[in-house]
Amino acid sequence: MPELRFDPIRRRWSIIAPERAFRPKDFAIEKEKINEENNCDFCEGNESKTPKEVFSIRKEGTPPNSPGWRVRVVPNKYPALRVEGGLIRKGEGIFDFVSGIGAHEVIIETPHHKKQLQDMDPKEVVDILKAYKERYIDLAKDMRFRYILVFKNYGKEAGASLYHSHSQIIATPIIPIAVSLELEAAKDYYGRKERCIFCDLIEQELSYNRRIVYKSEKFIVWCPFASSFPFETWIFPLIHRHEFIQMDEEEINDLSFVLKDVLERIKILLKNPPYNFVIHTAPIPRKRPGRSHYWETLPYDYHFHIEIIPRITLIAGFEWGSGFYINPVLPEEAARYLREIK
């Protein structure tokens, strides 16, 4: 029997339809061909083919924009938003207009063309997480920006245009609607109960223990109750952290192992599917005229996390028309499948 499940954080419904009887093998996707290394702008030795790096982790003594790097961050050649210019806000009738100011950067995760994040050693993942953190801290200094989003597209079906392992970071002058809905839900919950909704959710999942995939010393992984997509997986710090950049060295080390572990489980179970992951963190705490106290409870009510979505089903007319998502796999079953991967 199908179920409609409500997500109190994203404030949307999902239809869980397990009678469709999908199993992991049913989601196999034909793999794309690997593009040749000598034509890849992101490979080591091709540094001149990209914009100049804004950050890198490299061997001591090697100059910028040369070989010797482990992780390299460059501006996107075809940015969605541009750093240059002033921030303009105005109205056009009932419509709002904001100039396309922002930043769009690419994190080249490895100099090796064929190595993907799920195949890396945790120490290599540590470098990637540190690059995320350093770029976030630097971009947050720009007073024009209100939100910084870190995300990864893996595979053509997930939006990746290049095979070489990379992720992206975009700074925007407004807070994205998906994040705003989470922030409002968290703020409302805290206003009524003076507790973090995410912390309560972690405690509940631990006590229920049917949707948990993995638990480390500092992080917990589970398939959410109202999963919108099959094998959707969330990673949360066990300690309350409202910002991604609050993680200390031990937490980054632990997260590197957890992220690699979860992505490897998904790779094995679903035969290396395309996926997206997104880091949901608190917005940059700017004081705004007339709303100086709006984010006053933010350090207490929000909880940063990572959402991983294997791209193995399509969003079609019903989803677009209703705002509901049809998920053919019970989250409890998805978690069990992922747990059983050795």
C-alpha atoms as a PDB file:
ATOM      1  CA  MET A   1       0.000   0.000   0.000  1.00  0.00           C
ATOM      2  CA  PRO A   2       1.473   3.423  -0.944  1.00  0.00           C
ATOM      3  CA  GLU A   3       2.083   6.016   1.758  1.00  0.00           C
ATOM      4  CA  LEU A   4       2.193   9.790   1.712  1.00  0.00           C
ATOM      5  CA  ARG A   5       4.970  10.974   4.018  1.00  0.00           C
ATOM      6  CA  PHE A   6       5.518  14.600   5.044  1.00  0.00           C
ATOM      7  CA  ASP A   7       8.980  16.076   5.519  1.00  0.00           C
ATOM      8  CA  PRO A   8       8.784  18.670   8.343  1.00  0.00           C
ATOM      9  CA  ILE A   9      12.116  20.210   7.325  1.00  0.00           C
ATOM     10  CA  ARG A  10      11.531  20.707   3.594  1.00  0.00           C
ATOM     11  CA  ARG A  11       7.765  21.010   4.135  1.00  0.00           C
ATOM     12  CA  ARG A  12       6.813  18.820   1.218  1.00  0.00           C
ATOM     13  CA  TRP A  13       5.167  15.447   0.657  1.00  0.00           C
ATOM     14  CA  SER A  14       6.600  12.305  -0.898  1.00  0.00           C
ATOM     15  CA  ILE A  15       4.631   9.317  -2.136  1.00  0.00           C
ATOM     16  CA  ILE A  16       6.358   6.102  -1.097  1.00  0.00           C
ATOM     17  CA  ALA A  17       5.170   3.455  -3.582  1.00  0.00           C
ATOM     18  CA  PRO A  18       6.991   0.194  -2.718  1.00  0.00           C
ATOM     19  CA  GLU A  19       4.434  -1.979  -4.588  1.00  0.00           C
ATOM     20  CA  ARG A  20       6.390  -1.096  -7.716  1.00  0.00           C
ATOM     21  CA  ALA A  21       8.847  -3.634  -6.275  1.00  0.00           C
ATOM     22  CA  PHE A  22      12.054  -1.997  -7.468  1.00  0.00           C
ATOM     23  CA  ARG A  23      15.330  -3.538  -6.342  1.00  0.00           C
ATOM     24  CA  PRO A  24      18.820  -1.998  -6.631  1.00  0.00           C
ATOM     25  CA  LYS A  25      19.557  -3.977  -9.834  1.00  0.00           C
ATOM     26  CA  ASP A  26      16.541  -2.326 -11.500  1.00  0.00           C
ATOM     27  CA  PHE A  27      18.258   1.072 -11.421  1.00  0.00           C
ATOM     28  CA  ALA A  28      21.299   0.208 -13.543  1.00  0.00           C
ATOM     29  CA  ILE A  29      22.209   3.036 -15.944  1.00  0.00           C
ATOM     30  CA  GLU A  30      24.350   2.727 -19.046  1.00  0.00           C
ATOM     31  CA  LYS A  31      27.730   4.268 -18.290  1.00  0.00           C
ATOM     32  CA  GLU A  32      29.188   7.142 -20.244  1.00  0.00           C
ATOM     33  CA  LYS A  33      32.537   6.788 -21.949  1.00  0.00           C
ATOM     34  CA  ILE A  34      35.563   8.315 -20.225  1.00  0.00           C
ATOM     35  CA  ASN A  35      36.871  11.270 -22.176  1.00  0.00           C
ATOM     36  CA  GLU A  36      40.531  11.160 -23.125  1.00  0.00           C
ATOM     37  CA  GLU A  37      43.032  12.483 -20.603  1.00  0.00           C
ATOM     38  CA  ASN A  38      45.023  14.540 -23.111  1.00  0.00           C
ATOM     39  CA  ASN A  39      41.878  16.557 -23.920  1.00  0.00           C
ATOM     40  CA  CYS A  40      40.956  17.210 -20.289  1.00  0.00           C
ATOM     41  CA  ASP A  41      41.478  20.752 -18.999  1.00  0.00           C
ATOM     42  CA  PHE A  42      41.471  19.540 -15.379  1.00  0.00           C
ATOM     43  CA  CYS A  43      44.350  17.079 -15.650  1.00  0.00           C
ATOM     44  CA  GLU A  44      47.748  17.865 -14.143  1.00  0.00           C
ATOM     45  CA  GLY A  45      49.933  19.532 -16.765  1.00  0.00           C
ATOM     46  CA  ASN A  46      46.996  21.344 -18.356  1.00  0.00           C
ATOM     47  CA  GLU A  47      46.851  24.189 -15.829  1.00  0.00           C
ATOM     48  CA  SER A  48      47.122  26.783 -18.611  1.00  0.00           C
ATOM     49  CA  LYS A  49      43.775  25.585 -20.021  1.00  0.00           C
ATOM     50  CA  THR A  50      41.821  26.816 -16.985  1.00  0.00           C
ATOM     51  CA  PRO A  51      41.435  30.268 -15.423  1.00  0.00           C
ATOM     52  CA  LYS A  52      44.131  31.047 -12.856  1.00  0.00           C
ATOM     53  CA  GLU A  53      43.699  29.211  -9.582  1.00  0.00           C
ATOM     54  CA  VAL A  54      42.308  31.051  -6.555  1.00  0.00           C
ATOM     55  CA  PHE A  55      43.356  28.319  -4.108  1.00  0.00           C
ATOM     56  CA  SER A  56      45.292  25.069  -4.172  1.00  0.00           C
ATOM     57  CA  ILE A  57      46.763  22.408  -1.913  1.00  0.00           C
ATOM     58  CA  ARG A  58      50.071  21.452  -3.476  1.00  0.00           C
ATOM     59  CA  LYS A  59      53.591  20.205  -2.905  1.00  0.00           C
ATOM     60  CA  GLU A  60      55.742  22.714  -1.043  1.00  0.00           C
ATOM     61  CA  GLY A  61      57.788  24.880  -3.392  1.00  0.00           C
ATOM     62  CA  THR A  62      55.613  24.406  -6.470  1.00  0.00           C
ATOM     63  CA  PRO A  63      54.278  27.708  -7.883  1.00  0.00           C
ATOM     64  CA  PRO A  64      50.595  28.413  -8.562  1.00  0.00           C
ATOM     65  CA  ASN A  65      49.143  27.266 -11.897  1.00  0.00           C
ATOM     66  CA  SER A  66      51.751  24.558 -12.335  1.00  0.00           C
ATOM     67  CA  PRO A  67      51.915  20.791 -11.703  1.00  0.00           C
ATOM     68  CA  GLY A  68      52.388  19.537  -8.139  1.00  0.00           C
ATOM     69  CA  TRP A  69      48.886  20.143  -6.752  1.00  0.00           C
ATOM     70  CA  ARG A  70      46.539  17.757  -4.938  1.00  0.00           C
ATOM     71  CA  VAL A  71      43.406  19.944  -5.044  1.00  0.00           C
ATOM     72  CA  ARG A  72      42.985  23.033  -7.199  1.00  0.00           C
ATOM     73  CA  VAL A  73      40.230  25.686  -7.224  1.00  0.00           C
ATOM     74  CA  VAL A  74      39.630  27.861 -10.288  1.00  0.00           C
ATOM     75  CA  PRO A  75      36.862  30.229 -11.436  1.00  0.00           C
ATOM     76  CA  ASN A  76      34.322  28.541 -13.694  1.00  0.00           C
ATOM     77  CA  LYS A  77      34.970  29.330 -17.366  1.00  0.00           C
ATOM     78  CA  TYR A  78      31.238  29.747 -17.920  1.00  0.00           C
ATOM     79  CA  PRO A  79      29.963  31.155 -14.612  1.00  0.00           C
ATOM     80  CA  ALA A  80      26.308  31.253 -13.641  1.00  0.00           C
ATOM     81  CA  LEU A  81      27.050  34.483 -11.715  1.00  0.00           C
ATOM     82  CA  ARG A  82      29.925  36.967 -12.009  1.00  0.00           C
ATOM     83  CA  VAL A  83      32.054  38.644  -9.351  1.00  0.00           C
ATOM     84  CA  GLU A  84      32.494  41.883 -11.291  1.00  0.00           C
ATOM     85  CA  GLY A  85      30.053  44.736 -10.798  1.00  0.00           C
ATOM     86  CA  GLY A  86      27.801  46.252  -8.189  1.00  0.00           C
ATOM     87  CA  LEU A  87      24.758  44.716  -6.548  1.00  0.00           C
ATOM     88  CA  ILE A  88      21.576  46.289  -7.892  1.00  0.00           C
ATOM     89  CA  ARG A  89      18.089  45.576  -6.545  1.00  0.00           C
ATOM     90  CA  LYS A  90      14.978  47.046  -8.132  1.00  0.00           C
ATOM     91  CA  GLY A  91      11.403  46.272  -9.056  1.00  0.00           C
ATOM     92  CA  GLU A  92       9.806  45.951 -12.473  1.00  0.00           C
ATOM     93  CA  GLY A  93       6.078  46.102 -11.761  1.00  0.00           C
ATOM     94  CA  ILE A  94       5.284  43.103  -9.573  1.00  0.00           C
ATOM     95  CA  PHE A  95       8.629  41.510 -10.475  1.00  0.00           C
ATOM     96  CA  ASP A  96      11.916  41.779  -8.580  1.00  0.00           C
ATOM     97  CA  PHE A  97      15.273  42.208 -10.238  1.00  0.00           C
ATOM     98  CA  VAL A  98      18.737  41.575  -8.760  1.00  0.00           C
ATOM     99  CA  SER A  99      21.906  41.920 -10.814  1.00  0.00           C
ATOM    100  CA  GLY A 100      23.713  38.627 -11.481  1.00  0.00           C
ATOM    101  CA  ILE A 101      26.457  39.185  -8.930  1.00  0.00           C
ATOM    102  CA  GLY A 102      28.077  36.193  -7.297  1.00  0.00           C
ATOM    103  CA  ALA A 103      30.949  33.765  -7.587  1.00  0.00           C
ATOM    104  CA  HIS A 104      31.169  30.433  -9.373  1.00  0.00           C
ATOM    105  CA  GLU A 105      34.216  28.253  -8.771  1.00  0.00           C
ATOM    106  CA  VAL A 106      35.273  24.709  -9.627  1.00  0.00           C
ATOM    107  CA  ILE A 107      37.074  22.486  -7.115  1.00  0.00           C
ATOM    108  CA  ILE A 108      39.260  20.088  -9.133  1.00  0.00           C
ATOM    109  CA  GLU A 109      39.442  17.263  -6.623  1.00  0.00           C
ATOM    110  CA  THR A 110      42.423  15.312  -7.920  1.00  0.00           C
ATOM    111  CA  PRO A 111      45.157  15.549 -10.576  1.00  0.00           C
ATOM    112  CA  HIS A 112      44.282  11.959 -11.634  1.00  0.00           C
ATOM    113  CA  HIS A 113      41.804  11.767 -14.501  1.00  0.00           C
ATOM    114  CA  LYS A 114      40.181   8.419 -13.716  1.00  0.00           C
ATOM    115  CA  LYS A 115      39.984   8.645  -9.911  1.00  0.00           C
ATOM    116  CA  GLN A 116      36.567   9.596  -8.534  1.00  0.00           C
ATOM    117  CA  LEU A 117      35.756  10.828  -5.033  1.00  0.00           C
ATOM    118  CA  GLN A 118      34.190   7.509  -3.994  1.00  0.00           C
ATOM    119  CA  ASP A 119      37.438   5.743  -4.961  1.00  0.00           C
ATOM    120  CA  MET A 120      39.799   8.082  -3.089  1.00  0.00           C
ATOM    121  CA  ASP A 121      41.660   7.521   0.128  1.00  0.00           C
ATOM    122  CA  PRO A 122      40.058   9.427   3.062  1.00  0.00           C
ATOM    123  CA  LYS A 123      43.218  11.571   3.274  1.00  0.00           C
ATOM    124  CA  GLU A 124      42.511  12.814  -0.242  1.00  0.00           C
ATOM    125  CA  VAL A 125      38.919  13.590   0.739  1.00  0.00           C
ATOM    126  CA  VAL A 126      40.261  15.619   3.687  1.00  0.00           C
ATOM    127  CA  ASP A 127      42.028  17.915   1.201  1.00  0.00           C
ATOM    128  CA  ILE A 128      38.765  18.419  -0.710  1.00  0.00           C
ATOM    129  CA  LEU A 129      36.820  19.268   2.456  1.00  0.00           C
ATOM    130  CA  LYS A 130      39.550  21.704   3.515  1.00  0.00           C
ATOM    131  CA  ALA A 131      39.360  23.390   0.106  1.00  0.00           C
ATOM    132  CA  TYR A 132      35.582  23.771   0.549  1.00  0.00           C
ATOM    133  CA  LYS A 133      36.130  25.346   3.957  1.00  0.00           C
ATOM    134  CA  GLU A 134      38.863  27.755   2.848  1.00  0.00           C
ATOM    135  CA  ARG A 135      36.924  28.972  -0.168  1.00  0.00           C
ATOM    136  CA  TYR A 136      33.765  29.397   1.913  1.00  0.00           C
ATOM    137  CA  ILE A 137      35.614  31.528   4.481  1.00  0.00           C
ATOM    138  CA  ASP A 138      37.142  33.702   1.759  1.00  0.00           C
ATOM    139  CA  LEU A 139      33.922  34.192  -0.243  1.00  0.00           C
ATOM    140  CA  ALA A 140      31.926  34.997   2.909  1.00  0.00           C
ATOM    141  CA  LYS A 141      34.011  38.170   3.307  1.00  0.00           C
ATOM    142  CA  ASP A 142      32.278  39.683   0.265  1.00  0.00           C
ATOM    143  CA  MET A 143      29.402  41.764   1.638  1.00  0.00           C
ATOM    144  CA  ARG A 144      27.382  41.287  -1.559  1.00  0.00           C
ATOM    145  CA  PHE A 145      26.916  37.565  -0.927  1.00  0.00           C
ATOM    146  CA  ARG A 146      24.257  36.033   1.328  1.00  0.00           C
ATOM    147  CA  TYR A 147      24.620  32.329   0.672  1.00  0.00           C
ATOM    148  CA  ILE A 148      27.389  29.951  -0.395  1.00  0.00           C
ATOM    149  CA  LEU A 149      26.434  26.584  -1.845  1.00  0.00           C
ATOM    150  CA  VAL A 150      28.863  23.687  -2.247  1.00  0.00           C
ATOM    151  CA  PHE A 151      27.683  20.860  -4.492  1.00  0.00           C
ATOM    152  CA  LYS A 152      28.893  17.998  -6.659  1.00  0.00           C
ATOM    153  CA  ASN A 153      27.429  16.589  -9.873  1.00  0.00           C
ATOM    154  CA  TYR A 154      28.730  13.118 -10.741  1.00  0.00           C
ATOM    155  CA  GLY A 155      27.795  11.600 -14.070  1.00  0.00           C
ATOM    156  CA  LYS A 156      26.136  13.029 -17.153  1.00  0.00           C
ATOM    157  CA  GLU A 157      22.600  12.363 -15.862  1.00  0.00           C
ATOM    158  CA  ALA A 158      23.412  14.361 -12.722  1.00  0.00           C
ATOM    159  CA  GLY A 159      24.578  17.403 -14.688  1.00  0.00           C
ATOM    160  CA  ALA A 160      28.340  16.835 -14.916  1.00  0.00           C
ATOM    161  CA  SER A 161      29.744  18.028 -18.240  1.00  0.00           C
ATOM    162  CA  LEU A 162      33.259  16.693 -17.560  1.00  0.00           C
ATOM    163  CA  TYR A 163      34.312  13.268 -16.316  1.00  0.00           C
ATOM    164  CA  HIS A 164      37.337  14.453 -14.294  1.00  0.00           C
ATOM    165  CA  SER A 165      36.338  14.474 -10.602  1.00  0.00           C
ATOM    166  CA  HIS A 166      35.270  17.945  -9.516  1.00  0.00           C
ATOM    167  CA  SER A 167      32.715  19.826  -7.445  1.00  0.00           C
ATOM    168  CA  GLN A 168      31.501  23.411  -7.488  1.00  0.00           C
ATOM    169  CA  ILE A 169      30.845  26.343  -5.202  1.00  0.00           C
ATOM    170  CA  ILE A 170      28.452  29.199  -5.986  1.00  0.00           C
ATOM    171  CA  ALA A 171      27.969  32.335  -3.892  1.00  0.00           C
ATOM    172  CA  THR A 172      24.640  34.124  -4.409  1.00  0.00           C
ATOM    173  CA  PRO A 173      23.262  37.555  -3.417  1.00  0.00           C
ATOM    174  CA  ILE A 174      20.001  35.929  -2.229  1.00  0.00           C
ATOM    175  CA  ILE A 175      19.214  32.847  -0.131  1.00  0.00           C
ATOM    176  CA  PRO A 176      17.988  29.964  -2.343  1.00  0.00           C
ATOM    177  CA  ILE A 177      14.362  28.929  -1.812  1.00  0.00           C
ATOM    178  CA  ALA A 178      15.254  25.328  -0.883  1.00  0.00           C
ATOM    179  CA  VAL A 179      17.429  26.628   1.949  1.00  0.00           C
ATOM    180  CA  SER A 180      14.891  29.291   2.961  1.00  0.00           C
ATOM    181  CA  LEU A 181      12.230  26.618   3.511  1.00  0.00           C
ATOM    182  CA  GLU A 182      14.583  24.682   5.801  1.00  0.00           C
ATOM    183  CA  LEU A 183      15.547  27.841   7.682  1.00  0.00           C
ATOM    184  CA  GLU A 184      11.921  28.837   8.226  1.00  0.00           C
ATOM    185  CA  ALA A 185      10.982  25.336   9.426  1.00  0.00           C
ATOM    186  CA  ALA A 186      13.932  25.286  11.835  1.00  0.00           C
ATOM    187  CA  LYS A 187      13.202  28.806  13.111  1.00  0.00           C
ATOM    188  CA  ASP A 188       9.512  28.002  13.640  1.00  0.00           C
ATOM    189  CA  TYR A 189      10.305  24.765  15.508  1.00  0.00           C
ATOM    190  CA  TYR A 190      12.831  26.484  17.753  1.00  0.00           C
ATOM    191  CA  GLY A 191      10.367  29.303  18.448  1.00  0.00           C
ATOM    192  CA  ARG A 192       7.825  26.774  19.736  1.00  0.00           C
ATOM    193  CA  LYS A 193      10.097  24.305  21.531  1.00  0.00           C
ATOM    194  CA  GLU A 194      13.474  26.037  22.033  1.00  0.00           C
ATOM    195  CA  ARG A 195      15.139  22.986  20.523  1.00  0.00           C
ATOM    196  CA  CYS A 196      16.842  22.255  17.213  1.00  0.00           C
ATOM    197  CA  ILE A 197      14.538  20.232  14.949  1.00  0.00           C
ATOM    198  CA  PHE A 198      17.556  18.481  13.448  1.00  0.00           C
ATOM    199  CA  CYS A 199      18.950  17.459  16.848  1.00  0.00           C
ATOM    200  CA  ASP A 200      15.536  16.045  17.763  1.00  0.00           C
ATOM    201  CA  LEU A 201      15.453  14.231  14.427  1.00  0.00           C
ATOM    202  CA  ILE A 202      18.889  12.683  15.064  1.00  0.00           C
ATOM    203  CA  GLU A 203      17.762  11.477  18.496  1.00  0.00           C
ATOM    204  CA  GLN A 204      14.586  10.004  17.006  1.00  0.00           C
ATOM    205  CA  GLU A 205      16.411   8.193  14.208  1.00  0.00           C
ATOM    206  CA  LEU A 206      18.880   6.747  16.707  1.00  0.00           C
ATOM    207  CA  SER A 207      16.069   5.416  18.866  1.00  0.00           C
ATOM    208  CA  TYR A 208      14.118   4.048  15.878  1.00  0.00           C
ATOM    209  CA  ASN A 209      17.259   2.613  14.234  1.00  0.00           C
ATOM    210  CA  ARG A 210      15.628   1.377  11.013  1.00  0.00           C
ATOM    211  CA  ARG A 211      16.702   4.105   8.604  1.00  0.00           C
ATOM    212  CA  ILE A 212      20.296   4.498   9.824  1.00  0.00           C
ATOM    213  CA  VAL A 213      22.954   3.463   7.320  1.00  0.00           C
ATOM    214  CA  TYR A 214      26.082   4.223   9.309  1.00  0.00           C
ATOM    215  CA  LYS A 215      27.210   5.966  12.484  1.00  0.00           C
ATOM    216  CA  SER A 216      30.746   7.118  13.194  1.00  0.00           C
ATOM    217  CA  GLU A 217      32.158   8.852  16.247  1.00  0.00           C
ATOM    218  CA  LYS A 218      31.040  12.279  15.026  1.00  0.00           C
ATOM    219  CA  PHE A 219      28.529  11.748  12.186  1.00  0.00           C
ATOM    220  CA  ILE A 220      25.344   9.856  11.469  1.00  0.00           C
ATOM    221  CA  VAL A 221      24.023   8.738   8.078  1.00  0.00           C
ATOM    222  CA  TRP A 222      20.423   7.801   7.340  1.00  0.00           C
ATOM    223  CA  CYS A 223      17.776   7.600   4.614  1.00  0.00           C
ATOM    224  CA  PRO A 224      15.171  10.235   5.513  1.00  0.00           C
ATOM    225  CA  PHE A 225      11.609   9.240   6.482  1.00  0.00           C
ATOM    226  CA  ALA A 226      10.021  11.157   3.586  1.00  0.00           C
ATOM    227  CA  SER A 227      12.769  10.524   1.017  1.00  0.00           C
ATOM    228  CA  SER A 228      11.932  12.185  -2.283  1.00  0.00           C
ATOM    229  CA  PHE A 229      14.268   9.911  -4.234  1.00  0.00           C
ATOM    230  CA  PRO A 230      15.280   6.243  -3.956  1.00  0.00           C
ATOM    231  CA  PHE A 231      18.369   5.771  -1.771  1.00  0.00           C
ATOM    232  CA  GLU A 232      18.446   9.468  -0.843  1.00  0.00           C
ATOM    233  CA  THR A 233      20.915   9.751   2.042  1.00  0.00           C
ATOM    234  CA  TRP A 234      21.658  12.448   4.627  1.00  0.00           C
ATOM    235  CA  ILE A 235      24.837  12.991   6.668  1.00  0.00           C
ATOM    236  CA  PHE A 236      24.589  14.991   9.921  1.00  0.00           C
ATOM    237  CA  PRO A 237      27.178  15.909  12.561  1.00  0.00           C
ATOM    238  CA  LEU A 238      26.151  14.436  15.913  1.00  0.00           C
ATOM    239  CA  ILE A 239      27.279  17.624  17.662  1.00  0.00           C
ATOM    240  CA  HIS A 240      25.157  20.680  16.870  1.00  0.00           C
ATOM    241  CA  ARG A 241      26.893  22.727  14.176  1.00  0.00           C
ATOM    242  CA  HIS A 242      24.970  25.365  12.242  1.00  0.00           C
ATOM    243  CA  GLU A 243      27.820  26.133   9.833  1.00  0.00           C
ATOM    244  CA  PHE A 244      29.944  23.762   7.776  1.00  0.00           C
ATOM    245  CA  ILE A 245      33.044  25.835   8.538  1.00  0.00           C
ATOM    246  CA  GLN A 246      32.685  25.192  12.298  1.00  0.00           C
ATOM    247  CA  MET A 247      34.127  21.704  11.899  1.00  0.00           C
ATOM    248  CA  ASP A 248      37.460  21.149  13.612  1.00  0.00           C
ATOM    249  CA  GLU A 249      40.301  18.937  12.366  1.00  0.00           C
ATOM    250  CA  GLU A 250      38.921  15.776  13.979  1.00  0.00           C
ATOM    251  CA  GLU A 251      35.472  16.312  12.478  1.00  0.00           C
ATOM    252  CA  ILE A 252      36.890  16.921   9.000  1.00  0.00           C
ATOM    253  CA  ASN A 253      38.931  13.717   9.264  1.00  0.00           C
ATOM    254  CA  ASP A 254      35.882  11.767  10.392  1.00  0.00           C
ATOM    255  CA  LEU A 255      33.638  13.267   7.703  1.00  0.00           C
ATOM    256  CA  SER A 256      36.182  12.363   5.007  1.00  0.00           C
ATOM    257  CA  PHE A 257      35.854   8.698   5.969  1.00  0.00           C
ATOM    258  CA  VAL A 258      32.055   8.846   6.284  1.00  0.00           C
ATOM    259  CA  LEU A 259      31.505  10.628   2.935  1.00  0.00           C
ATOM    260  CA  LYS A 260      33.805   8.235   1.092  1.00  0.00           C
ATOM    261  CA  ASP A 261      32.163   5.251   2.820  1.00  0.00           C
ATOM    262  CA  VAL A 262      28.608   6.273   1.886  1.00  0.00           C
ATOM    263  CA  LEU A 263      29.487   7.094  -1.728  1.00  0.00           C
ATOM    264  CA  GLU A 264      31.288   3.765  -2.039  1.00  0.00           C
ATOM    265  CA  ARG A 265      28.244   1.893  -0.691  1.00  0.00           C
ATOM    266  CA  ILE A 266      26.044   3.654  -3.235  1.00  0.00           C
ATOM    267  CA  LYS A 267      28.530   2.853  -5.999  1.00  0.00           C
ATOM    268  CA  ILE A 268      28.600  -0.858  -5.152  1.00  0.00           C
ATOM    269  CA  LEU A 269      24.864  -1.240  -4.545  1.00  0.00           C
ATOM    270  CA  LEU A 270      23.616   0.739  -7.555  1.00  0.00           C
ATOM    271  CA  LYS A 271      26.460  -0.059  -9.969  1.00  0.00           C
ATOM    272  CA  ASN A 272      28.139   3.340  -9.906  1.00  0.00           C
ATOM    273  CA  PRO A 273      25.115   5.594 -10.527  1.00  0.00           C
ATOM    274  CA  PRO A 274      25.180   9.321 -11.269  1.00  0.00           C
ATOM    275  CA  TYR A 275      24.544  11.369  -8.143  1.00  0.00           C
ATOM    276  CA  ASN A 276      24.424  14.851  -6.663  1.00  0.00           C
ATOM    277  CA  PHE A 277      25.441  15.917  -3.221  1.00  0.00           C
ATOM    278  CA  VAL A 278      24.802  19.285  -1.648  1.00  0.00           C
ATOM    279  CA  ILE A 279      26.111  20.819   1.579  1.00  0.00           C
ATOM    280  CA  HIS A 280      23.272  22.614   3.377  1.00  0.00           C
ATOM    281  CA  THR A 281      24.787  25.162   5.727  1.00  0.00           C
ATOM    282  CA  ALA A 282      23.548  28.325   7.424  1.00  0.00           C
ATOM    283  CA  PRO A 283      23.504  31.535   5.376  1.00  0.00           C
ATOM    284  CA  ILE A 284      26.119  34.207   5.919  1.00  0.00           C
ATOM    285  CA  PRO A 285      24.790  36.082   8.991  1.00  0.00           C
ATOM    286  CA  ARG A 286      24.390  39.582   7.543  1.00  0.00           C
ATOM    287  CA  LYS A 287      22.409  42.191   9.482  1.00  0.00           C
ATOM    288  CA  ARG A 288      19.720  43.634   7.232  1.00  0.00           C
ATOM    289  CA  PRO A 289      17.881  46.944   7.627  1.00  0.00           C
ATOM    290  CA  GLY A 290      14.605  46.375   9.459  1.00  0.00           C
ATOM    291  CA  ARG A 291      15.449  42.704  10.103  1.00  0.00           C
ATOM    292  CA  SER A 292      18.441  42.949  12.426  1.00  0.00           C
ATOM    293  CA  HIS A 293      17.113  40.172  14.682  1.00  0.00           C
ATOM    294  CA  TYR A 294      15.848  37.862  11.939  1.00  0.00           C
ATOM    295  CA  TRP A 295      18.690  35.346  12.257  1.00  0.00           C
ATOM    296  CA  GLU A 296      19.094  35.756  16.003  1.00  0.00           C
ATOM    297  CA  THR A 297      18.358  32.074  16.753  1.00  0.00           C
ATOM    298  CA  LEU A 298      20.254  30.728  13.719  1.00  0.00           C
ATOM    299  CA  PRO A 299      23.208  29.318  15.725  1.00  0.00           C
ATOM    300  CA  TYR A 300      20.726  27.313  17.806  1.00  0.00           C
ATOM    301  CA  ASP A 301      18.004  26.264  15.373  1.00  0.00           C
ATOM    302  CA  TYR A 302      19.911  25.238  12.213  1.00  0.00           C
ATOM    303  CA  HIS A 303      22.133  22.174  11.730  1.00  0.00           C
ATOM    304  CA  PHE A 304      24.402  21.804   8.698  1.00  0.00           C
ATOM    305  CA  HIS A 305      24.191  18.539   6.761  1.00  0.00           C
ATOM    306  CA  ILE A 306      24.977  16.874   3.444  1.00  0.00           C
ATOM    307  CA  GLU A 307      22.254  15.495   1.171  1.00  0.00           C
ATOM    308  CA  ILE A 308      23.198  12.786  -1.357  1.00  0.00           C
ATOM    309  CA  ILE A 309      20.789  11.950  -4.172  1.00  0.00           C
ATOM    310  CA  PRO A 310      21.509   9.073  -6.595  1.00  0.00           C
ATOM    311  CA  ARG A 311      20.010  10.104  -9.948  1.00  0.00           C
ATOM    312  CA  ILE A 312      18.258   6.866 -10.858  1.00  0.00           C
ATOM    313  CA  THR A 313      14.680   8.069 -11.422  1.00  0.00           C
ATOM    314  CA  LEU A 314      13.281  10.936 -13.464  1.00  0.00           C
ATOM    315  CA  ILE A 315      11.241  13.952 -12.388  1.00  0.00           C
ATOM    316  CA  ALA A 316       8.197  14.010 -14.667  1.00  0.00           C
ATOM    317  CA  GLY A 317       4.882  15.804 -15.109  1.00  0.00           C
ATOM    318  CA  PHE A 318       3.278  14.672 -11.860  1.00  0.00           C
ATOM    319  CA  GLU A 319       6.217  15.914  -9.788  1.00  0.00           C
ATOM    320  CA  TRP A 320       6.341  19.270 -11.569  1.00  0.00           C
ATOM    321  CA  GLY A 321       2.585  19.713 -11.414  1.00  0.00           C
ATOM    322  CA  SER A 322       1.998  18.618  -7.816  1.00  0.00           C
ATOM    323  CA  GLY A 323       5.230  19.260  -5.919  1.00  0.00           C
ATOM    324  CA  PHE A 324       4.989  15.626  -4.704  1.00  0.00           C
ATOM    325  CA  TYR A 325       7.789  13.167  -5.402  1.00  0.00           C
ATOM    326  CA  ILE A 326       7.155   9.480  -6.112  1.00  0.00           C
ATOM    327  CA  ASN A 327       9.756   7.226  -4.513  1.00  0.00           C
ATOM    328  CA  PRO A 328       9.473   3.506  -5.373  1.00  0.00           C
ATOM    329  CA  VAL A 329      11.792   2.385  -2.554  1.00  0.00           C
ATOM    330  CA  LEU A 330      10.914   2.413   1.137  1.00  0.00           C
ATOM    331  CA  PRO A 331      13.567   4.465   2.996  1.00  0.00           C
ATOM    332  CA  GLU A 332      13.781   1.673   5.576  1.00  0.00           C
ATOM    333  CA  GLU A 333      14.576  -0.817   2.805  1.00  0.00           C
ATOM    334  CA  ALA A 334      17.049   1.562   1.163  1.00  0.00           C
ATOM    335  CA  ALA A 335      18.911   1.919   4.467  1.00  0.00           C
ATOM    336  CA  ARG A 336      18.967  -1.854   4.932  1.00  0.00           C
ATOM    337  CA  TYR A 337      20.410  -2.405   1.461  1.00  0.00           C
ATOM    338  CA  LEU A 338      23.112   0.213   2.083  1.00  0.00           C
ATOM    339  CA  ARG A 339      23.913  -1.151   5.564  1.00  0.00           C
ATOM    340  CA  GLU A 340      24.456  -4.641   4.206  1.00  0.00           C
ATOM    341  CA  ILE A 341      27.131  -3.522   1.729  1.00  0.00           C
ATOM    342  CA  LYS A 342      30.537  -4.722   2.942  1.00  0.00           C
END
